[in-house]
PDB file of all heavy atoms in Angstrom:
ATOM      1  N   GLY A   1       8.828  12.383  39.179  1.00  0.00           N
ATOM      2  CA  GLY A   1       9.337  11.303  40.027  1.00  0.00           C
ATOM      3  C   GLY A   1       8.332  10.937  41.096  1.00  0.00           C
ATOM      4  O   GLY A   1       7.133  10.982  40.865  1.00  0.00           O
ATOM      5  N   GLU A   2       8.835  10.614  42.267  1.00  0.00           N
ATOM      6  CA  GLU A   2       7.996  10.168  43.377  1.00  0.00           C
ATOM      7  C   GLU A   2       6.986  11.201  43.846  1.00  0.00           C
ATOM      8  O   GLU A   2       5.906  10.859  44.295  1.00  0.00           O
ATOM      9  CB  GLU A   2       8.883   9.811  44.577  1.00  0.00           C
ATOM     10  CG  GLU A   2       9.080   8.339  44.770  1.00  0.00           C
ATOM     11  CD  GLU A   2       9.911   8.082  46.021  1.00  0.00           C
ATOM     12  OE1 GLU A   2       9.525   8.536  47.116  1.00  0.00           O
ATOM     13  OE2 GLU A   2      10.942   7.415  45.864  1.00  0.00           O
ATOM     14  N   ARG A   3       7.347  12.474  43.755  1.00  0.00           N
ATOM     15  CA  ARG A   3       6.499  13.531  44.340  1.00  0.00           C
ATOM     16  C   ARG A   3       5.741  14.356  43.325  1.00  0.00           C
ATOM     17  O   ARG A   3       4.862  15.133  43.691  1.00  0.00           O
ATOM     18  CB  ARG A   3       7.368  14.444  45.190  1.00  0.00           C
ATOM     19  CG  ARG A   3       8.040  13.669  46.326  1.00  0.00           C
ATOM     20  CD  ARG A   3       8.733  14.578  47.233  1.00  0.00           C
ATOM     21  NE  ARG A   3       7.689  15.435  47.805  1.00  0.00           N
ATOM     22  CZ  ARG A   3       7.727  15.984  48.971  1.00  0.00           C
ATOM     23  NH1 ARG A   3       8.767  15.790  49.719  1.00  0.00           N
ATOM     24  NH2 ARG A   3       6.763  16.750  49.414  1.00  0.00           N
ATOM     25  N   PHE A   4       6.082  14.234  42.023  1.00  0.00           N
ATOM     26  CA  PHE A   4       5.486  15.117  41.013  1.00  0.00           C
ATOM     27  C   PHE A   4       5.380  14.408  39.672  1.00  0.00           C
ATOM     28  O   PHE A   4       6.264  13.630  39.303  1.00  0.00           O
ATOM     29  CB  PHE A   4       6.339  16.388  40.868  1.00  0.00           C
ATOM     30  CG  PHE A   4       5.855  17.303  39.787  1.00  0.00           C
ATOM     31  CD1 PHE A   4       4.705  18.050  39.966  1.00  0.00           C
ATOM     32  CD2 PHE A   4       6.535  17.401  38.594  1.00  0.00           C
ATOM     33  CE1 PHE A   4       4.240  18.886  38.958  1.00  0.00           C
ATOM     34  CE2 PHE A   4       6.087  18.230  37.582  1.00  0.00           C
ATOM     35  CZ  PHE A   4       4.935  18.979  37.769  1.00  0.00           C
ATOM     36  N   GLN A   5       4.318  14.738  38.929  1.00  0.00           N
ATOM     37  CA  GLN A   5       4.096  14.160  37.604  1.00  0.00           C
ATOM     38  C   GLN A   5       3.395  15.183  36.718  1.00  0.00           C
ATOM     39  O   GLN A   5       2.464  15.851  37.162  1.00  0.00           O
ATOM     40  CB  GLN A   5       3.213  12.911  37.716  1.00  0.00           C
ATOM     41  CG  GLN A   5       2.783  12.288  36.409  1.00  0.00           C
ATOM     42  CD  GLN A   5       3.892  11.561  35.699  1.00  0.00           C
ATOM     43  OE1 GLN A   5       4.652  10.841  36.338  1.00  0.00           O
ATOM     44  NE2 GLN A   5       4.004  11.734  34.399  1.00  0.00           N
ATOM     45  N   VAL A   6       3.849  15.293  35.477  1.00  0.00           N
ATOM     46  CA  VAL A   6       3.138  16.058  34.459  1.00  0.00           C
ATOM     47  C   VAL A   6       2.240  15.079  33.713  1.00  0.00           C
ATOM     48  O   VAL A   6       2.718  14.041  33.234  1.00  0.00           O
ATOM     49  CB  VAL A   6       4.103  16.740  33.458  1.00  0.00           C
ATOM     50  CG1 VAL A   6       3.320  17.447  32.355  1.00  0.00           C
ATOM     51  CG2 VAL A   6       5.034  17.713  34.165  1.00  0.00           C
ATOM     52  N   LEU A   7       0.946  15.406  33.631  1.00  0.00           N
ATOM     53  CA  LEU A   7       0.000  14.614  32.842  1.00  0.00           C
ATOM     54  C   LEU A   7      -0.506  15.491  31.714  1.00  0.00           C
ATOM     55  O   LEU A   7      -1.122  16.528  31.961  1.00  0.00           O
ATOM     56  CB  LEU A   7      -1.188  14.158  33.694  1.00  0.00           C
ATOM     57  CG  LEU A   7      -0.889  13.284  34.896  1.00  0.00           C
ATOM     58  CD1 LEU A   7      -2.185  12.948  35.632  1.00  0.00           C
ATOM     59  CD2 LEU A   7      -0.170  12.015  34.483  1.00  0.00           C
ATOM     60  N   THR A   8      -0.230  15.106  30.482  1.00  0.00           N
ATOM     61  CA  THR A   8      -0.755  15.826  29.328  1.00  0.00           C
ATOM     62  C   THR A   8      -1.896  14.991  28.763  1.00  0.00           C
ATOM     63  O   THR A   8      -1.724  13.815  28.477  1.00  0.00           O
ATOM     64  CB  THR A   8       0.344  16.062  28.279  1.00  0.00           C
ATOM     65  OG1 THR A   8       0.995  14.817  27.992  1.00  0.00           O
ATOM     66  CG2 THR A   8       1.375  17.054  28.779  1.00  0.00           C
ATOM     67  N   ILE A   9      -3.064  15.619  28.621  1.00  0.00           N
ATOM     68  CA  ILE A   9      -4.259  14.892  28.211  1.00  0.00           C
ATOM     69  C   ILE A   9      -4.795  15.507  26.920  1.00  0.00           C
ATOM     70  O   ILE A   9      -5.277  16.641  26.907  1.00  0.00           O
ATOM     71  CB  ILE A   9      -5.336  14.920  29.320  1.00  0.00           C
ATOM     72  CG1 ILE A   9      -4.754  14.331  30.608  1.00  0.00           C
ATOM     73  CG2 ILE A   9      -6.579  14.164  28.864  1.00  0.00           C
ATOM     74  CD1 ILE A   9      -5.686  14.390  31.803  1.00  0.00           C
ATOM     75  N   ALA A  10      -4.683  14.740  25.823  1.00  0.00           N
ATOM     76  CA  ALA A  10      -5.218  15.174  24.535  1.00  0.00           C
ATOM     77  C   ALA A  10      -6.746  15.160  24.658  1.00  0.00           C
ATOM     78  O   ALA A  10      -7.352  14.122  24.901  1.00  0.00           O
ATOM     79  CB  ALA A  10      -4.751  14.256  23.414  1.00  0.00           C
ATOM     80  N   THR A  11      -7.352  16.330  24.488  1.00  0.00           N
ATOM     81  CA  THR A  11      -8.762  16.522  24.782  1.00  0.00           C
ATOM     82  C   THR A  11      -9.566  16.709  23.503  1.00  0.00           C
ATOM     83  O   THR A  11      -9.196  17.501  22.646  1.00  0.00           O
ATOM     84  CB  THR A  11      -8.908  17.754  25.699  1.00  0.00           C
ATOM     85  OG1 THR A  11      -8.069  17.555  26.836  1.00  0.00           O
ATOM     86  CG2 THR A  11     -10.320  17.954  26.159  1.00  0.00           C
ATOM     87  N   GLY A  12     -10.659  15.970  23.387  1.00  0.00           N
ATOM     88  CA  GLY A  12     -11.506  16.055  22.202  1.00  0.00           C
ATOM     89  C   GLY A  12     -11.061  15.065  21.142  1.00  0.00           C
ATOM     90  O   GLY A  12     -10.436  14.049  21.429  1.00  0.00           O
ATOM     91  N   ARG A  13     -11.390  15.383  19.913  1.00  0.00           N
ATOM     92  CA  ARG A  13     -11.082  14.482  18.793  1.00  0.00           C
ATOM     93  C   ARG A  13      -9.632  14.624  18.376  1.00  0.00           C
ATOM     94  O   ARG A  13      -9.258  15.546  17.657  1.00  0.00           O
ATOM     95  CB  ARG A  13     -11.995  14.793  17.617  1.00  0.00           C
ATOM     96  CG  ARG A  13     -13.427  14.517  17.929  1.00  0.00           C
ATOM     97  CD  ARG A  13     -14.305  14.805  16.762  1.00  0.00           C
ATOM     98  NE  ARG A  13     -15.694  14.610  17.153  1.00  0.00           N
ATOM     99  CZ  ARG A  13     -16.708  14.998  16.459  1.00  0.00           C
ATOM    100  NH1 ARG A  13     -16.530  15.617  15.297  1.00  0.00           N
ATOM    101  NH2 ARG A  13     -17.932  14.779  16.879  1.00  0.00           N
ATOM    102  N   ASN A  14      -8.844  13.693  18.836  1.00  0.00           N
ATOM    103  CA  ASN A  14      -7.414  13.637  18.528  1.00  0.00           C
ATOM    104  C   ASN A  14      -7.084  12.189  18.191  1.00  0.00           C
ATOM    105  O   ASN A  14      -6.804  11.395  19.087  1.00  0.00           O
ATOM    106  CB  ASN A  14      -6.586  14.093  19.732  1.00  0.00           C
ATOM    107  CG  ASN A  14      -6.800  15.541  20.083  1.00  0.00           C
ATOM    108  OD1 ASN A  14      -6.277  16.419  19.425  1.00  0.00           O
ATOM    109  ND2 ASN A  14      -7.591  15.797  21.121  1.00  0.00           N
ATOM    110  N   PRO A  15      -7.141  11.816  16.908  1.00  0.00           N
ATOM    111  CA  PRO A  15      -6.850  10.423  16.548  1.00  0.00           C
ATOM    112  C   PRO A  15      -5.474   9.996  17.043  1.00  0.00           C
ATOM    113  O   PRO A  15      -4.540  10.809  17.074  1.00  0.00           O
ATOM    114  CB  PRO A  15      -6.897  10.435  15.016  1.00  0.00           C
ATOM    115  CG  PRO A  15      -7.640  11.676  14.648  1.00  0.00           C
ATOM    116  CD  PRO A  15      -7.402  12.659  15.751  1.00  0.00           C
ATOM    117  N   PRO A  16      -5.342   8.739  17.457  1.00  0.00           N
ATOM    118  CA  PRO A  16      -4.049   8.267  17.976  1.00  0.00           C
ATOM    119  C   PRO A  16      -2.867   8.586  17.061  1.00  0.00           C
ATOM    120  O   PRO A  16      -1.810   8.998  17.552  1.00  0.00           O
ATOM    121  CB  PRO A  16      -4.262   6.759  18.126  1.00  0.00           C
ATOM    122  CG  PRO A  16      -5.726   6.628  18.387  1.00  0.00           C
ATOM    123  CD  PRO A  16      -6.369   7.692  17.529  1.00  0.00           C
ATOM    124  N   ALA A  17      -3.029   8.421  15.756  1.00  0.00           N
ATOM    125  CA  ALA A  17      -1.918   8.714  14.842  1.00  0.00           C
ATOM    126  C   ALA A  17      -1.532  10.190  14.916  1.00  0.00           C
ATOM    127  O   ALA A  17      -0.340  10.533  14.884  1.00  0.00           O
ATOM    128  CB  ALA A  17      -2.295   8.335  13.413  1.00  0.00           C
ATOM    129  N   ALA A  18      -2.511  11.065  15.044  1.00  0.00           N
ATOM    130  CA  ALA A  18      -2.231  12.501  15.140  1.00  0.00           C
ATOM    131  C   ALA A  18      -1.538  12.833  16.463  1.00  0.00           C
ATOM    132  O   ALA A  18      -0.644  13.688  16.498  1.00  0.00           O
ATOM    133  CB  ALA A  18      -3.524  13.297  15.000  1.00  0.00           C
ATOM    134  N   VAL A  19      -1.931  12.158  17.548  1.00  0.00           N
ATOM    135  CA  VAL A  19      -1.295  12.380  18.850  1.00  0.00           C
ATOM    136  C   VAL A  19       0.169  11.958  18.778  1.00  0.00           C
ATOM    137  O   VAL A  19       1.063  12.710  19.191  1.00  0.00           O
ATOM    138  CB  VAL A  19      -2.039  11.621  19.971  1.00  0.00           C
ATOM    139  CG1 VAL A  19      -1.244  11.647  21.271  1.00  0.00           C
ATOM    140  CG2 VAL A  19      -3.431  12.190  20.172  1.00  0.00           C
ATOM    141  N   HIS A  20       0.421  10.768  18.239  1.00  0.00           N
ATOM    142  CA  HIS A  20       1.806  10.289  18.122  1.00  0.00           C
ATOM    143  C   HIS A  20       2.642  11.230  17.246  1.00  0.00           C
ATOM    144  O   HIS A  20       3.782  11.548  17.595  1.00  0.00           O
ATOM    145  CB  HIS A  20       1.836   8.867  17.567  1.00  0.00           C
ATOM    146  CG  HIS A  20       1.404   7.823  18.550  1.00  0.00           C
ATOM    147  ND1 HIS A  20       2.024   7.618  19.758  1.00  0.00           N
ATOM    148  CD2 HIS A  20       0.386   6.925  18.491  1.00  0.00           C
ATOM    149  CE1 HIS A  20       1.429   6.645  20.414  1.00  0.00           C
ATOM    150  NE2 HIS A  20       0.422   6.208  19.669  1.00  0.00           N
ATOM    151  N   LYS A  21       2.079  11.669  16.134  1.00  0.00           N
ATOM    152  CA  LYS A  21       2.802  12.574  15.232  1.00  0.00           C
ATOM    153  C   LYS A  21       3.106  13.897  15.939  1.00  0.00           C
ATOM    154  O   LYS A  21       4.228  14.409  15.864  1.00  0.00           O
ATOM    155  CB  LYS A  21       1.975  12.824  13.970  1.00  0.00           C
ATOM    156  CG  LYS A  21       2.646  13.741  12.985  1.00  0.00           C
ATOM    157  CD  LYS A  21       1.799  13.954  11.745  1.00  0.00           C
ATOM    158  CE  LYS A  21       2.517  14.928  10.823  1.00  0.00           C
ATOM    159  NZ  LYS A  21       1.682  15.423   9.760  1.00  0.00           N
ATOM    160  N   PHE A  22       2.108  14.450  16.616  1.00  0.00           N
ATOM    161  CA  PHE A  22       2.278  15.709  17.345  1.00  0.00           C
ATOM    162  C   PHE A  22       3.415  15.601  18.356  1.00  0.00           C
ATOM    163  O   PHE A  22       4.306  16.454  18.417  1.00  0.00           O
ATOM    164  CB  PHE A  22       0.958  16.041  18.052  1.00  0.00           C
ATOM    165  CG  PHE A  22       0.976  17.298  18.882  1.00  0.00           C
ATOM    166  CD1 PHE A  22       0.450  18.474  18.383  1.00  0.00           C
ATOM    167  CD2 PHE A  22       1.495  17.309  20.168  1.00  0.00           C
ATOM    168  CE1 PHE A  22       0.435  19.638  19.144  1.00  0.00           C
ATOM    169  CE2 PHE A  22       1.497  18.450  20.940  1.00  0.00           C
ATOM    170  CZ  PHE A  22       0.967  19.619  20.425  1.00  0.00           C
ATOM    171  N   LEU A  23       3.389  14.549  19.181  1.00  0.00           N
ATOM    172  CA  LEU A  23       4.402  14.373  20.218  1.00  0.00           C
ATOM    173  C   LEU A  23       5.785  14.136  19.617  1.00  0.00           C
ATOM    174  O   LEU A  23       6.787  14.657  20.128  1.00  0.00           O
ATOM    175  CB  LEU A  23       4.005  13.244  21.161  1.00  0.00           C
ATOM    176  CG  LEU A  23       2.729  13.508  21.981  1.00  0.00           C
ATOM    177  CD1 LEU A  23       2.344  12.266  22.779  1.00  0.00           C
ATOM    178  CD2 LEU A  23       2.870  14.724  22.872  1.00  0.00           C
ATOM    179  N   ALA A  24       5.850  13.376  18.529  1.00  0.00           N
ATOM    180  CA  ALA A  24       7.135  13.134  17.866  1.00  0.00           C
ATOM    181  C   ALA A  24       7.700  14.434  17.300  1.00  0.00           C
ATOM    182  O   ALA A  24       8.896  14.728  17.465  1.00  0.00           O
ATOM    183  CB  ALA A  24       6.975  12.088  16.771  1.00  0.00           C
ATOM    184  N   GLU A  25       6.853  15.217  16.643  1.00  0.00           N
ATOM    185  CA  GLU A  25       7.319  16.483  16.070  1.00  0.00           C
ATOM    186  C   GLU A  25       7.766  17.458  17.155  1.00  0.00           C
ATOM    187  O   GLU A  25       8.667  18.270  16.936  1.00  0.00           O
ATOM    188  CB  GLU A  25       6.213  17.120  15.216  1.00  0.00           C
ATOM    189  CG  GLU A  25       5.982  16.389  13.918  1.00  0.00           C
ATOM    190  CD  GLU A  25       4.790  16.928  13.125  1.00  0.00           C
ATOM    191  OE1 GLU A  25       4.043  17.807  13.647  1.00  0.00           O
ATOM    192  OE2 GLU A  25       4.595  16.464  11.987  1.00  0.00           O
ATOM    193  N   ALA A  26       7.140  17.385  18.327  1.00  0.00           N
ATOM    194  CA  ALA A  26       7.512  18.270  19.443  1.00  0.00           C
ATOM    195  C   ALA A  26       8.736  17.741  20.199  1.00  0.00           C
ATOM    196  O   ALA A  26       9.247  18.422  21.080  1.00  0.00           O
ATOM    197  CB  ALA A  26       6.332  18.427  20.397  1.00  0.00           C
ATOM    198  N   GLY A  27       9.190  16.537  19.871  1.00  0.00           N
ATOM    199  CA  GLY A  27      10.350  15.952  20.537  1.00  0.00           C
ATOM    200  C   GLY A  27      10.051  15.457  21.943  1.00  0.00           C
ATOM    201  O   GLY A  27      10.952  15.340  22.767  1.00  0.00           O
ATOM    202  N   VAL A  28       8.802  15.147  22.221  1.00  0.00           N
ATOM    203  CA  VAL A  28       8.380  14.715  23.554  1.00  0.00           C
ATOM    204  C   VAL A  28       8.755  13.257  23.768  1.00  0.00           C
ATOM    205  O   VAL A  28       8.428  12.392  22.953  1.00  0.00           O
ATOM    206  CB  VAL A  28       6.858  14.917  23.721  1.00  0.00           C
ATOM    207  CG1 VAL A  28       6.344  14.265  24.980  1.00  0.00           C
ATOM    208  CG2 VAL A  28       6.535  16.399  23.700  1.00  0.00           C
ATOM    209  N   THR A  29       9.428  12.990  24.889  1.00  0.00           N
ATOM    210  CA  THR A  29       9.835  11.615  25.198  1.00  0.00           C
ATOM    211  C   THR A  29       9.464  11.175  26.615  1.00  0.00           C
ATOM    212  O   THR A  29       9.525   9.997  26.921  1.00  0.00           O
ATOM    213  CB  THR A  29      11.365  11.453  25.038  1.00  0.00           C
ATOM    214  OG1 THR A  29      12.022  12.365  25.924  1.00  0.00           O
ATOM    215  CG2 THR A  29      11.796  11.715  23.595  1.00  0.00           C
ATOM    216  N   ALA A  30       9.084  12.115  27.487  1.00  0.00           N
ATOM    217  CA  ALA A  30       8.879  11.766  28.896  1.00  0.00           C
ATOM    218  C   ALA A  30       7.430  11.862  29.364  1.00  0.00           C
ATOM    219  O   ALA A  30       7.149  11.620  30.529  1.00  0.00           O
ATOM    220  CB  ALA A  30       9.747  12.668  29.778  1.00  0.00           C
ATOM    221  N   LEU A  31       6.514  12.203  28.467  1.00  0.00           N
ATOM    222  CA  LEU A  31       5.122  12.422  28.872  1.00  0.00           C
ATOM    223  C   LEU A  31       4.223  11.254  28.472  1.00  0.00           C
ATOM    224  O   LEU A  31       4.432  10.644  27.419  1.00  0.00           O
ATOM    225  CB  LEU A  31       4.584  13.719  28.251  1.00  0.00           C
ATOM    226  CG  LEU A  31       5.328  14.983  28.668  1.00  0.00           C
ATOM    227  CD1 LEU A  31       4.815  16.176  27.888  1.00  0.00           C
ATOM    228  CD2 LEU A  31       5.196  15.216  30.163  1.00  0.00           C
ATOM    229  N   PRO A  32       3.196  10.973  29.280  1.00  0.00           N
ATOM    230  CA  PRO A  32       2.268   9.890  28.938  1.00  0.00           C
ATOM    231  C   PRO A  32       1.344  10.303  27.800  1.00  0.00           C
ATOM    232  O   PRO A  32       1.155  11.497  27.540  1.00  0.00           O
ATOM    233  CB  PRO A  32       1.472   9.701  30.236  1.00  0.00           C
ATOM    234  CG  PRO A  32       1.498  11.039  30.891  1.00  0.00           C
ATOM    235  CD  PRO A  32       2.845  11.631  30.544  1.00  0.00           C
ATOM    236  N   THR A  33       0.795   9.314  27.104  1.00  0.00           N
ATOM    237  CA  THR A  33      -0.155   9.584  26.022  1.00  0.00           C
ATOM    238  C   THR A  33      -1.561   9.321  26.547  1.00  0.00           C
ATOM    239  O   THR A  33      -2.128   8.244  26.368  1.00  0.00           O
ATOM    240  CB  THR A  33       0.143   8.712  24.781  1.00  0.00           C
ATOM    241  OG1 THR A  33       0.211   7.348  25.189  1.00  0.00           O
ATOM    242  CG2 THR A  33       1.455   9.108  24.128  1.00  0.00           C
ATOM    243  N   LEU A  34      -2.117  10.327  27.197  1.00  0.00           N
ATOM    244  CA  LEU A  34      -3.443  10.237  27.796  1.00  0.00           C
ATOM    245  C   LEU A  34      -4.446  11.000  26.940  1.00  0.00           C
ATOM    246  O   LEU A  34      -4.093  11.990  26.293  1.00  0.00           O
ATOM    247  CB  LEU A  34      -3.404  10.818  29.213  1.00  0.00           C
ATOM    248  CG  LEU A  34      -2.392  10.162  30.144  1.00  0.00           C
ATOM    249  CD1 LEU A  34      -2.243  10.952  31.432  1.00  0.00           C
ATOM    250  CD2 LEU A  34      -2.788   8.716  30.431  1.00  0.00           C
ATOM    251  N   THR A  35      -5.698  10.546  26.949  1.00  0.00           N
ATOM    252  CA  THR A  35      -6.724  11.168  26.120  1.00  0.00           C
ATOM    253  C   THR A  35      -8.037  11.322  26.890  1.00  0.00           C
ATOM    254  O   THR A  35      -8.336  10.550  27.796  1.00  0.00           O
ATOM    255  CB  THR A  35      -6.989  10.355  24.836  1.00  0.00           C
ATOM    256  OG1 THR A  35      -7.515   9.083  25.198  1.00  0.00           O
ATOM    257  CG2 THR A  35      -5.729  10.171  24.008  1.00  0.00           C
ATOM    258  N   ASP A  36      -8.790  12.307  26.479  1.00  0.00           N
ATOM    259  CA  ASP A  36     -10.127  12.579  27.007  1.00  0.00           C
ATOM    260  C   ASP A  36     -11.021  12.851  25.800  1.00  0.00           C
ATOM    261  O   ASP A  36     -11.450  13.977  25.570  1.00  0.00           O
ATOM    262  CB  ASP A  36     -10.056  13.781  27.956  1.00  0.00           C
ATOM    263  CG  ASP A  36     -11.378  14.121  28.623  1.00  0.00           C
ATOM    264  OD1 ASP A  36     -12.263  13.254  28.694  1.00  0.00           O
ATOM    265  OD2 ASP A  36     -11.507  15.277  29.085  1.00  0.00           O
ATOM    266  N   PRO A  37     -11.287  11.811  24.985  1.00  0.00           N
ATOM    267  CA  PRO A  37     -11.961  12.038  23.706  1.00  0.00           C
ATOM    268  C   PRO A  37     -13.381  12.598  23.824  1.00  0.00           C
ATOM    269  O   PRO A  37     -13.830  13.320  22.940  1.00  0.00           O
ATOM    270  CB  PRO A  37     -11.964  10.658  23.040  1.00  0.00           C
ATOM    271  CG  PRO A  37     -11.751   9.685  24.144  1.00  0.00           C
ATOM    272  CD  PRO A  37     -10.964  10.405  25.191  1.00  0.00           C
ATOM    273  N   GLN A  38     -14.074  12.299  24.902  1.00  0.00           N
ATOM    274  CA  GLN A  38     -15.437  12.796  25.079  1.00  0.00           C
ATOM    275  C   GLN A  38     -15.478  14.101  25.870  1.00  0.00           C
ATOM    276  O   GLN A  38     -16.555  14.590  26.195  1.00  0.00           O
ATOM    277  CB  GLN A  38     -16.300  11.734  25.773  1.00  0.00           C
ATOM    278  CG  GLN A  38     -16.349  10.409  25.042  1.00  0.00           C
ATOM    279  CD  GLN A  38     -16.891  10.548  23.627  1.00  0.00           C
ATOM    280  OE1 GLN A  38     -17.877  11.228  23.408  1.00  0.00           O
ATOM    281  NE2 GLN A  38     -16.230   9.918  22.672  1.00  0.00           N
ATOM    282  N   LEU A  39     -14.313  14.641  26.222  1.00  0.00           N
ATOM    283  CA  LEU A  39     -14.179  15.877  26.992  1.00  0.00           C
ATOM    284  C   LEU A  39     -14.815  15.783  28.376  1.00  0.00           C
ATOM    285  O   LEU A  39     -15.147  16.798  28.990  1.00  0.00           O
ATOM    286  CB  LEU A  39     -14.778  17.066  26.224  1.00  0.00           C
ATOM    287  CG  LEU A  39     -14.079  17.383  24.922  1.00  0.00           C
ATOM    288  CD1 LEU A  39     -15.082  17.411  23.788  1.00  0.00           C
ATOM    289  CD2 LEU A  39     -13.388  18.701  25.028  1.00  0.00           C
ATOM    290  N   ALA A  40     -14.966  14.578  28.893  1.00  0.00           N
ATOM    291  CA  ALA A  40     -15.627  14.396  30.193  1.00  0.00           C
ATOM    292  C   ALA A  40     -14.804  15.024  31.317  1.00  0.00           C
ATOM    293  O   ALA A  40     -15.342  15.779  32.134  1.00  0.00           O
ATOM    294  CB  ALA A  40     -15.866  12.916  30.456  1.00  0.00           C
ATOM    295  N   LEU A  41     -13.511  14.724  31.378  1.00  0.00           N
ATOM    296  CA  LEU A  41     -12.667  15.305  32.420  1.00  0.00           C
ATOM    297  C   LEU A  41     -12.507  16.807  32.189  1.00  0.00           C
ATOM    298  O   LEU A  41     -12.546  17.591  33.143  1.00  0.00           O
ATOM    299  CB  LEU A  41     -11.302  14.623  32.479  1.00  0.00           C
ATOM    300  CG  LEU A  41     -10.345  15.161  33.537  1.00  0.00           C
ATOM    301  CD1 LEU A  41     -10.934  15.019  34.948  1.00  0.00           C
ATOM    302  CD2 LEU A  41      -9.000  14.459  33.441  1.00  0.00           C
ATOM    303  N   ALA A  42     -12.338  17.199  30.949  1.00  0.00           N
ATOM    304  CA  ALA A  42     -12.192  18.625  30.642  1.00  0.00           C
ATOM    305  C   ALA A  42     -13.425  19.407  31.097  1.00  0.00           C
ATOM    306  O   ALA A  42     -13.297  20.459  31.741  1.00  0.00           O
ATOM    307  CB  ALA A  42     -11.948  18.825  29.150  1.00  0.00           C
ATOM    308  N   ARG A  43     -14.606  18.913  30.786  1.00  0.00           N
ATOM    309  CA  ARG A  43     -15.834  19.601  31.211  1.00  0.00           C
ATOM    310  C   ARG A  43     -15.944  19.631  32.728  1.00  0.00           C
ATOM    311  O   ARG A  43     -16.270  20.667  33.318  1.00  0.00           O
ATOM    312  CB  ARG A  43     -17.067  18.930  30.602  1.00  0.00           C
ATOM    313  CG  ARG A  43     -17.369  19.404  29.205  1.00  0.00           C
ATOM    314  CD  ARG A  43     -18.773  19.012  28.785  1.00  0.00           C
ATOM    315  NE  ARG A  43     -18.910  17.585  28.545  1.00  0.00           N
ATOM    316  CZ  ARG A  43     -18.722  16.991  27.387  1.00  0.00           C
ATOM    317  NH1 ARG A  43     -18.387  17.696  26.330  1.00  0.00           N
ATOM    318  NH2 ARG A  43     -18.869  15.693  27.263  1.00  0.00           N
ATOM    319  N   ALA A  44     -15.678  18.497  33.372  1.00  0.00           N
ATOM    320  CA  ALA A  44     -15.768  18.437  34.838  1.00  0.00           C
ATOM    321  C   ALA A  44     -14.747  19.365  35.501  1.00  0.00           C
ATOM    322  O   ALA A  44     -14.965  19.825  36.617  1.00  0.00           O
ATOM    323  CB  ALA A  44     -15.565  17.002  35.316  1.00  0.00           C
ATOM    324  N   SER A  45     -13.662  19.651  34.791  1.00  0.00           N
ATOM    325  CA  SER A  45     -12.608  20.523  35.307  1.00  0.00           C
ATOM    326  C   SER A  45     -12.821  21.983  34.926  1.00  0.00           C
ATOM    327  O   SER A  45     -12.000  22.832  35.292  1.00  0.00           O
ATOM    328  CB  SER A  45     -11.243  20.056  34.791  1.00  0.00           C
ATOM    329  OG  SER A  45     -10.977  18.737  35.212  1.00  0.00           O
TER     330      SER A  45
END
């Protein structure tokens, strides 16, 4: 909500279709579909 957010970031090679399938199979409905395909944020973190 206003004070807190979960950000899930698919990191590396995760094709959009695979991300959607993964989230659907996990029953995820409230999380954003964010990606870091070049691992730039992951490496910096």
